[in-house]
Amino acid sequence: MARQEEHLQKATQNEIFAASLDLANRCHLEWAITAVFYAALHHVNAYFAHYGVTCQSHEQTRQEISRDPRIKGVFGDYRELETLAHAARYTMRVFSERDYTLHAKPILEKIKAVIKTALAP
């Protein structure tokens, strides 16, 4: 089971990777959106690790988010990022830089803020 700190480190790595990409390049943009989703996933998993919960699949992660009273408010946002990442990897959807900067990235920031608040003593 990965520890909270390991998930936070992985989340940070995904955010750094996303920020390093040339968003003018469509392929890079798709990976930036995917990396933002995985950053959110690791922030959520860091939260769960803090409480001794391990999620083994995306479905289990969704279930745990939806039933946790401290973070269930971001369930829709989390699903939106997951849907964007899926579209980036598997469909022919064309993303714009605005999709990343004005949609995906702000959703990640909201999820991070909720997780930070939920972990605060």
C-alpha atoms as a PDB file:
ATOM      1  CA  MET A   1       0.000   0.000   0.000  1.00  0.00           C
ATOM      2  CA  ALA A   2       1.423   3.352  -1.025  1.00  0.00           C
ATOM      3  CA  ARG A   3       1.726   5.932   1.700  1.00  0.00           C
ATOM      4  CA  GLN A   4       0.154   9.369   1.661  1.00  0.00           C
ATOM      5  CA  GLU A   5       3.521  11.010   0.941  1.00  0.00           C
ATOM      6  CA  GLU A   6       4.170   8.707  -2.028  1.00  0.00           C
ATOM      7  CA  HIS A   7       0.824   9.626  -3.590  1.00  0.00           C
ATOM      8  CA  LEU A   8       1.494  13.323  -3.047  1.00  0.00           C
ATOM      9  CA  GLN A   9       4.912  12.967  -4.678  1.00  0.00           C
ATOM     10  CA  LYS A  10       3.370  11.211  -7.685  1.00  0.00           C
ATOM     11  CA  ALA A  11       0.667  13.886  -7.921  1.00  0.00           C
ATOM     12  CA  THR A  12       3.341  16.586  -7.961  1.00  0.00           C
ATOM     13  CA  GLN A  13       5.293  14.728 -10.652  1.00  0.00           C
ATOM     14  CA  ASN A  14       2.171  14.543 -12.827  1.00  0.00           C
ATOM     15  CA  GLU A  15       1.520  18.257 -12.357  1.00  0.00           C
ATOM     16  CA  ILE A  16       5.123  19.133 -13.242  1.00  0.00           C
ATOM     17  CA  PHE A  17       4.922  16.912 -16.316  1.00  0.00           C
ATOM     18  CA  ALA A  18       1.668  18.547 -17.460  1.00  0.00           C
ATOM     19  CA  ALA A  19       3.092  22.040 -16.943  1.00  0.00           C
ATOM     20  CA  SER A  20       6.229  21.172 -18.923  1.00  0.00           C
ATOM     21  CA  LEU A  21       4.365  20.280 -22.105  1.00  0.00           C
ATOM     22  CA  ASP A  22       3.967  22.547 -25.119  1.00  0.00           C
ATOM     23  CA  LEU A  23       0.210  23.101 -25.097  1.00  0.00           C
ATOM     24  CA  ALA A  24       0.277  24.314 -28.696  1.00  0.00           C
ATOM     25  CA  ASN A  25       0.992  20.716 -29.702  1.00  0.00           C
ATOM     26  CA  ARG A  26      -2.265  18.705 -29.742  1.00  0.00           C
ATOM     27  CA  CYS A  27      -0.540  15.485 -28.652  1.00  0.00           C
ATOM     28  CA  HIS A  28       1.087  17.294 -25.755  1.00  0.00           C
ATOM     29  CA  LEU A  29      -2.228  18.875 -24.809  1.00  0.00           C
ATOM     30  CA  GLU A  30      -3.900  15.476 -24.614  1.00  0.00           C
ATOM     31  CA  TRP A  31      -1.137  14.199 -22.328  1.00  0.00           C
ATOM     32  CA  ALA A  32      -1.352  17.341 -20.175  1.00  0.00           C
ATOM     33  CA  ILE A  33      -5.062  16.708 -19.618  1.00  0.00           C
ATOM     34  CA  THR A  34      -4.368  13.051 -18.843  1.00  0.00           C
ATOM     35  CA  ALA A  35      -1.600  13.993 -16.403  1.00  0.00           C
ATOM     36  CA  VAL A  36      -3.936  16.426 -14.624  1.00  0.00           C
ATOM     37  CA  PHE A  37      -6.435  13.604 -14.087  1.00  0.00           C
ATOM     38  CA  TYR A  38      -3.733  11.344 -12.682  1.00  0.00           C
ATOM     39  CA  ALA A  39      -2.562  14.159 -10.413  1.00  0.00           C
ATOM     40  CA  ALA A  40      -6.136  14.378  -9.088  1.00  0.00           C
ATOM     41  CA  LEU A  41      -6.236  10.596  -8.674  1.00  0.00           C
ATOM     42  CA  HIS A  42      -3.073  10.646  -6.578  1.00  0.00           C
ATOM     43  CA  HIS A  43      -4.307  13.549  -4.451  1.00  0.00           C
ATOM     44  CA  VAL A  44      -7.469  11.557  -3.751  1.00  0.00           C
ATOM     45  CA  ASN A  45      -5.448   8.419  -3.044  1.00  0.00           C
ATOM     46  CA  ALA A  46      -3.196  10.382  -0.673  1.00  0.00           C
ATOM     47  CA  TYR A  47      -6.322  11.369   1.222  1.00  0.00           C
ATOM     48  CA  PHE A  48      -7.523   7.781   1.384  1.00  0.00           C
ATOM     49  CA  ALA A  49      -4.059   6.508   2.373  1.00  0.00           C
ATOM     50  CA  HIS A  50      -4.159   8.916   5.325  1.00  0.00           C
ATOM     51  CA  TYR A  51      -7.204   6.976   6.545  1.00  0.00           C
ATOM     52  CA  GLY A  52      -5.838   3.540   5.658  1.00  0.00           C
ATOM     53  CA  VAL A  53      -8.040   3.053   2.583  1.00  0.00           C
ATOM     54  CA  THR A  54      -6.517   1.572  -0.569  1.00  0.00           C
ATOM     55  CA  CYS A  55      -8.337   1.782  -3.890  1.00  0.00           C
ATOM     56  CA  GLN A  56      -7.486  -0.965  -6.367  1.00  0.00           C
ATOM     57  CA  SER A  57      -9.373   0.392  -9.383  1.00  0.00           C
ATOM     58  CA  HIS A  58     -10.888   3.535 -10.836  1.00  0.00           C
ATOM     59  CA  GLU A  59     -14.340   2.168  -9.987  1.00  0.00           C
ATOM     60  CA  GLN A  60     -13.379   1.683  -6.350  1.00  0.00           C
ATOM     61  CA  THR A  61     -11.911   5.192  -6.227  1.00  0.00           C
ATOM     62  CA  ARG A  62     -15.177   6.622  -7.566  1.00  0.00           C
ATOM     63  CA  GLN A  63     -17.169   4.619  -5.017  1.00  0.00           C
ATOM     64  CA  GLU A  64     -14.987   5.766  -2.129  1.00  0.00           C
ATOM     65  CA  ILE A  65     -15.217   9.423  -3.184  1.00  0.00           C
ATOM     66  CA  SER A  66     -18.993   9.247  -3.521  1.00  0.00           C
ATOM     67  CA  ARG A  67     -19.454   7.845  -0.013  1.00  0.00           C
ATOM     68  CA  ASP A  68     -16.932   9.932   1.887  1.00  0.00           C
ATOM     69  CA  PRO A  69     -18.766  12.895   3.453  1.00  0.00           C
ATOM     70  CA  ARG A  70     -15.631  15.075   3.551  1.00  0.00           C
ATOM     71  CA  ILE A  71     -14.828  14.867  -0.167  1.00  0.00           C
ATOM     72  CA  LYS A  72     -17.952  13.641  -1.950  1.00  0.00           C
ATOM     73  CA  GLY A  73     -18.586  17.222  -3.081  1.00  0.00           C
ATOM     74  CA  VAL A  74     -15.836  16.848  -5.698  1.00  0.00           C
ATOM     75  CA  PHE A  75     -17.206  13.620  -7.132  1.00  0.00           C
ATOM     76  CA  GLY A  76     -18.600  15.371 -10.230  1.00  0.00           C
ATOM     77  CA  ASP A  77     -15.369  17.274 -10.751  1.00  0.00           C
ATOM     78  CA  TYR A  78     -13.298  14.113 -10.395  1.00  0.00           C
ATOM     79  CA  ARG A  79     -15.545  12.331 -12.911  1.00  0.00           C
ATOM     80  CA  GLU A  80     -15.207  15.270 -15.306  1.00  0.00           C
ATOM     81  CA  LEU A  81     -11.412  15.014 -15.229  1.00  0.00           C
ATOM     82  CA  GLU A  82     -11.625  11.251 -15.652  1.00  0.00           C
ATOM     83  CA  THR A  83     -13.916  11.705 -18.665  1.00  0.00           C
ATOM     84  CA  LEU A  84     -11.597  14.303 -20.202  1.00  0.00           C
ATOM     85  CA  ALA A  85      -8.589  12.021 -19.722  1.00  0.00           C
ATOM     86  CA  HIS A  86     -10.449   9.113 -21.266  1.00  0.00           C
ATOM     87  CA  ALA A  87     -11.424  11.259 -24.247  1.00  0.00           C
ATOM     88  CA  ALA A  88      -7.821  12.442 -24.586  1.00  0.00           C
ATOM     89  CA  ARG A  89      -6.556   8.877 -24.730  1.00  0.00           C
ATOM     90  CA  TYR A  90      -9.255   7.006 -26.628  1.00  0.00           C
ATOM     91  CA  THR A  91     -11.372   9.298 -28.784  1.00  0.00           C
ATOM     92  CA  MET A  92     -10.760  11.698 -31.589  1.00  0.00           C
ATOM     93  CA  ARG A  93     -11.888  14.663 -29.508  1.00  0.00           C
ATOM     94  CA  VAL A  94      -9.926  17.778 -30.337  1.00  0.00           C
ATOM     95  CA  PHE A  95      -8.931  19.746 -27.254  1.00  0.00           C
ATOM     96  CA  SER A  96      -7.899  23.366 -27.105  1.00  0.00           C
ATOM     97  CA  GLU A  97      -5.422  25.008 -24.803  1.00  0.00           C
ATOM     98  CA  ARG A  98      -8.455  26.586 -23.113  1.00  0.00           C
ATOM     99  CA  ASP A  99      -9.760  23.091 -22.264  1.00  0.00           C
ATOM    100  CA  TYR A 100      -6.621  22.613 -20.214  1.00  0.00           C
ATOM    101  CA  THR A 101      -6.072  26.068 -18.729  1.00  0.00           C
ATOM    102  CA  LEU A 102      -9.679  27.106 -18.104  1.00  0.00           C
ATOM    103  CA  HIS A 103     -11.293  23.731 -17.444  1.00  0.00           C
ATOM    104  CA  ALA A 104      -9.060  20.805 -16.468  1.00  0.00           C
ATOM    105  CA  LYS A 105      -6.482  22.712 -14.415  1.00  0.00           C
ATOM    106  CA  PRO A 106      -9.068  24.643 -12.336  1.00  0.00           C
ATOM    107  CA  ILE A 107     -10.891  21.381 -11.592  1.00  0.00           C
ATOM    108  CA  LEU A 108      -7.643  19.894 -10.299  1.00  0.00           C
ATOM    109  CA  GLU A 109      -7.089  22.955  -8.114  1.00  0.00           C
ATOM    110  CA  LYS A 110     -10.597  22.599  -6.662  1.00  0.00           C
ATOM    111  CA  ILE A 111     -10.016  18.916  -5.872  1.00  0.00           C
ATOM    112  CA  LYS A 112      -6.673  19.737  -4.243  1.00  0.00           C
ATOM    113  CA  ALA A 113      -8.304  22.428  -2.095  1.00  0.00           C
ATOM    114  CA  VAL A 114     -11.040  20.083  -0.908  1.00  0.00           C
ATOM    115  CA  ILE A 115      -8.497  17.354  -0.102  1.00  0.00           C
ATOM    116  CA  LYS A 116      -6.311  19.843   1.777  1.00  0.00           C
ATOM    117  CA  THR A 117      -9.286  21.011   3.826  1.00  0.00           C
ATOM    118  CA  ALA A 118     -10.402  17.430   4.508  1.00  0.00           C
ATOM    119  CA  LEU A 119      -6.927  16.533   5.770  1.00  0.00           C
ATOM    120  CA  ALA A 120      -6.588  19.621   7.958  1.00  0.00           C
ATOM    121  CA  PRO A 121      -6.638  18.892  11.691  1.00  0.00           C
END
